[in-house]
C-alpha atoms as a PDB file:
ATOM      1  CA  MET A   1      -0.218  -0.183  -0.276  1.00  0.00           C
ATOM      2  CA  LYS A   2       1.678   3.285  -0.978  1.00  0.00           C
ATOM      3  CA  GLY A   3       1.463   5.957   1.456  1.00  0.00           C
ATOM      4  CA  ASN A   4      -0.624   9.014   1.449  1.00  0.00           C
ATOM      5  CA  LYS A   5       0.803  12.102   2.668  1.00  0.00           C
ATOM      6  CA  ILE A   6      -2.152  14.511   2.508  1.00  0.00           C
ATOM      7  CA  LEU A   7      -4.454  11.550   4.473  1.00  0.00           C
ATOM      8  CA  ALA A   8      -1.256  11.286   7.029  1.00  0.00           C
ATOM      9  CA  MET A   9      -1.215  15.055   7.254  1.00  0.00           C
ATOM     10  CA  LYS A  10      -5.299  14.748   8.182  1.00  0.00           C
ATOM     11  CA  TYR A  11      -5.081  12.045  11.063  1.00  0.00           C
ATOM     12  CA  ILE A  12      -2.326  13.647  12.492  1.00  0.00           C
ATOM     13  CA  HIS A  13      -4.314  17.330  12.785  1.00  0.00           C
ATOM     14  CA  ASP A  14      -7.109  15.355  14.013  1.00  0.00           C
ATOM     15  CA  LYS A  15      -4.817  13.470  16.754  1.00  0.00           C
ATOM     16  CA  LEU A  16      -2.991  16.894  17.587  1.00  0.00           C
ATOM     17  CA  SER A  17      -6.133  18.539  18.286  1.00  0.00           C
ATOM     18  CA  LYS A  18      -8.015  15.724  20.203  1.00  0.00           C
ATOM     19  CA  LYS A  19     -10.548  14.711  17.540  1.00  0.00           C
ATOM     20  CA  SER A  20      -9.227  11.253  16.948  1.00  0.00           C
ATOM     21  CA  PHE A  21      -7.993   8.535  19.252  1.00  0.00           C
ATOM     22  CA  LEU A  22      -5.597   6.479  16.410  1.00  0.00           C
ATOM     23  CA  THR A  23      -2.473   6.134  17.637  1.00  0.00           C
ATOM     24  CA  TYR A  24       0.583   6.930  15.802  1.00  0.00           C
ATOM     25  CA  GLU A  25       1.459   3.425  14.951  1.00  0.00           C
ATOM     26  CA  GLU A  26      -2.323   2.929  13.433  1.00  0.00           C
ATOM     27  CA  ILE A  27      -1.829   5.832  11.418  1.00  0.00           C
ATOM     28  CA  ALA A  28       1.619   4.554  10.188  1.00  0.00           C
ATOM     29  CA  GLU A  29      -0.689   1.440   9.356  1.00  0.00           C
ATOM     30  CA  ILE A  30      -3.480   2.862   7.732  1.00  0.00           C
ATOM     31  CA  THR A  31      -1.258   5.501   5.817  1.00  0.00           C
ATOM     32  CA  GLY A  32       1.409   2.648   4.717  1.00  0.00           C
ATOM     33  CA  TYR A  33       4.258   5.302   6.042  1.00  0.00           C
ATOM     34  CA  HIS A  34       6.740   3.874   8.929  1.00  0.00           C
ATOM     35  CA  PRO A  35       5.683   5.081  12.218  1.00  0.00           C
ATOM     36  CA  LYS A  36       9.493   6.577  12.642  1.00  0.00           C
ATOM     37  CA  TYR A  37       7.903   8.692   9.201  1.00  0.00           C
ATOM     38  CA  ILE A  38       4.924   9.645  10.899  1.00  0.00           C
ATOM     39  CA  LEU A  39       6.645  10.833  13.747  1.00  0.00           C
ATOM     40  CA  LYS A  40       8.397  12.725  11.360  1.00  0.00           C
ATOM     41  CA  LEU A  41       5.840  14.445  10.174  1.00  0.00           C
ATOM     42  CA  LYS A  42       3.809  15.129  13.428  1.00  0.00           C
ATOM     43  CA  LYS A  43       7.009  17.551  14.301  1.00  0.00           C
ATOM     44  CA  GLU A  44       6.974  19.076  11.183  1.00  0.00           C
ATOM     45  CA  ILE A  45       3.198  19.815  11.539  1.00  0.00           C
ATOM     46  CA  VAL A  46       4.004  21.206  14.985  1.00  0.00           C
ATOM     47  CA  GLU A  47       7.033  23.246  13.812  1.00  0.00           C
ATOM     48  CA  GLY A  48       5.456  24.485  10.540  1.00  0.00           C
ATOM     49  CA  LYS A  49       7.828  23.176   8.289  1.00  0.00           C
ATOM     50  CA  PHE A  50       5.189  20.839   6.685  1.00  0.00           C
ATOM     51  CA  SER A  51       5.420  20.832   2.782  1.00  0.00           C
ATOM     52  CA  LEU A  52       4.124  18.365   0.353  1.00  0.00           C
ATOM     53  CA  GLU A  53       6.716  19.483  -2.443  1.00  0.00           C
ATOM     54  CA  HIS A  54      10.171  18.290  -2.060  1.00  0.00           C
ATOM     55  CA  GLY A  55      12.912  20.336  -0.307  1.00  0.00           C
ATOM     56  CA  ASN A  56      15.286  20.015  -3.675  1.00  0.00           C
ATOM     57  CA  LYS A  57      11.930  20.778  -5.907  1.00  0.00           C
ATOM     58  CA  ASN A  58      13.622  22.772  -8.896  1.00  0.00           C
ATOM     59  CA  ARG A  59      17.589  22.858  -7.961  1.00  0.00           C
ATOM     60  CA  GLU A  60      20.406  22.171 -10.378  1.00  0.00           C
ATOM     61  CA  PRO A  61      22.215  18.891  -9.288  1.00  0.00           C
ATOM     62  CA  VAL A  62      25.689  19.472  -7.638  1.00  0.00           C
ATOM     63  CA  ASN A  63      27.360  17.459  -9.895  1.00  0.00           C
ATOM     64  CA  LYS A  64      25.586  18.555 -12.779  1.00  0.00           C
ATOM     65  CA  MET A  65      28.290  18.635 -15.837  1.00  0.00           C
ATOM     66  CA  SER A  66      29.078  21.961 -17.029  1.00  0.00           C
ATOM     67  CA  LYS A  67      28.459  22.815 -20.743  1.00  0.00           C
ATOM     68  CA  ALA A  68      32.365  23.834 -20.505  1.00  0.00           C
ATOM     69  CA  GLU A  69      33.368  20.193 -19.457  1.00  0.00           C
ATOM     70  CA  GLU A  70      31.009  18.715 -21.619  1.00  0.00           C
ATOM     71  CA  GLU A  71      32.631  20.229 -24.865  1.00  0.00           C
ATOM     72  CA  LYS A  72      35.914  19.546 -23.336  1.00  0.00           C
ATOM     73  CA  ILE A  73      34.791  15.720 -23.568  1.00  0.00           C
ATOM     74  CA  VAL A  74      33.716  15.683 -26.718  1.00  0.00           C
ATOM     75  CA  ALA A  75      36.962  17.686 -28.453  1.00  0.00           C
ATOM     76  CA  LEU A  76      39.058  15.748 -26.277  1.00  0.00           C
ATOM     77  CA  TYR A  77      37.167  12.151 -27.560  1.00  0.00           C
ATOM     78  CA  LYS A  78      37.399  13.419 -31.135  1.00  0.00           C
ATOM     79  CA  ARG A  79      41.086  13.854 -31.267  1.00  0.00           C
ATOM     80  CA  SER A  80      41.766  10.193 -29.650  1.00  0.00           C
ATOM     81  CA  THR A  81      41.791   6.515 -31.361  1.00  0.00           C
ATOM     82  CA  VAL A  82      40.905   4.809 -28.565  1.00  0.00           C
ATOM     83  CA  SER A  83      38.267   3.388 -27.032  1.00  0.00           C
ATOM     84  CA  ILE A  84      35.410   4.551 -25.165  1.00  0.00           C
ATOM     85  CA  ARG A  85      36.404   2.738 -22.333  1.00  0.00           C
ATOM     86  CA  GLU A  86      40.352   3.348 -22.543  1.00  0.00           C
ATOM     87  CA  PHE A  87      38.755   7.098 -22.963  1.00  0.00           C
ATOM     88  CA  CYS A  88      37.176   7.336 -20.046  1.00  0.00           C
ATOM     89  CA  ARG A  89      40.162   5.807 -17.777  1.00  0.00           C
ATOM     90  CA  PHE A  90      41.770   8.410 -19.113  1.00  0.00           C
ATOM     91  CA  TYR A  91      39.879  10.945 -18.534  1.00  0.00           C
ATOM     92  CA  GLY A  92      38.456   9.844 -14.647  1.00  0.00           C
ATOM     93  CA  ARG A  93      36.722  12.463 -13.876  1.00  0.00           C
ATOM     94  CA  ARG A  94      33.167  11.560 -14.542  1.00  0.00           C
ATOM     95  CA  SER A  95      31.264   7.884 -15.172  1.00  0.00           C
ATOM     96  CA  TYR A  96      31.432   5.584 -18.033  1.00  0.00           C
ATOM     97  CA  SER A  97      27.741   6.003 -18.191  1.00  0.00           C
ATOM     98  CA  CYS A  98      27.933   9.797 -17.883  1.00  0.00           C
ATOM     99  CA  ILE A  99      30.884  10.223 -20.706  1.00  0.00           C
ATOM    100  CA  TYR A 100      28.926   7.724 -23.205  1.00  0.00           C
ATOM    101  CA  ASN A 101      25.602   9.618 -22.866  1.00  0.00           C
ATOM    102  CA  VAL A 102      27.884  12.793 -23.732  1.00  0.00           C
ATOM    103  CA  LEU A 103      29.282  11.491 -27.061  1.00  0.00           C
ATOM    104  CA  LYS A 104      26.056   9.768 -27.870  1.00  0.00           C
ATOM    105  CA  LYS A 105      24.065  13.383 -27.679  1.00  0.00           C
ATOM    106  CA  ASN A 106      27.006  14.714 -29.643  1.00  0.00           C
ATOM    107  CA  GLY A 107      26.572  11.998 -32.535  1.00  0.00           C
ATOM    108  CA  LEU A 108      30.020  10.771 -32.184  1.00  0.00           C
ATOM    109  CA  LEU A 109      29.060   7.059 -31.279  1.00  0.00           C
ATOM    110  CA  ASP A 110      28.273   3.964 -33.942  1.00  0.00           C
ATOM    111  CA  LYS A 111      24.465   4.372 -33.921  1.00  0.00           C
ATOM    112  CA  GLU A 112      23.558  -0.027 -32.592  1.00  0.00           C
END
């Protein structure tokens, strides 16, 4: 059973305002969340920090590759004569899949 944050919030709010006699364990069972998560939600509600939106939404990933680095990888690979695996070992700063995706996006790999 998938958890429902809105329903959990309603049950917790009802419990805090003494409109419900459900325990936090029962609320967890009904909503499908772990009891510790229900207590975390309770703390957020009490402190007024409750949000239905994830905190990292609309943020850039900290390890996102810059356009300059992507262009550097493409330029280096164009000048090399080695396989993509050897190139990845030589470059060393990014994973194989990351470099593979950059090269594929720029049309440098054979179509399979």
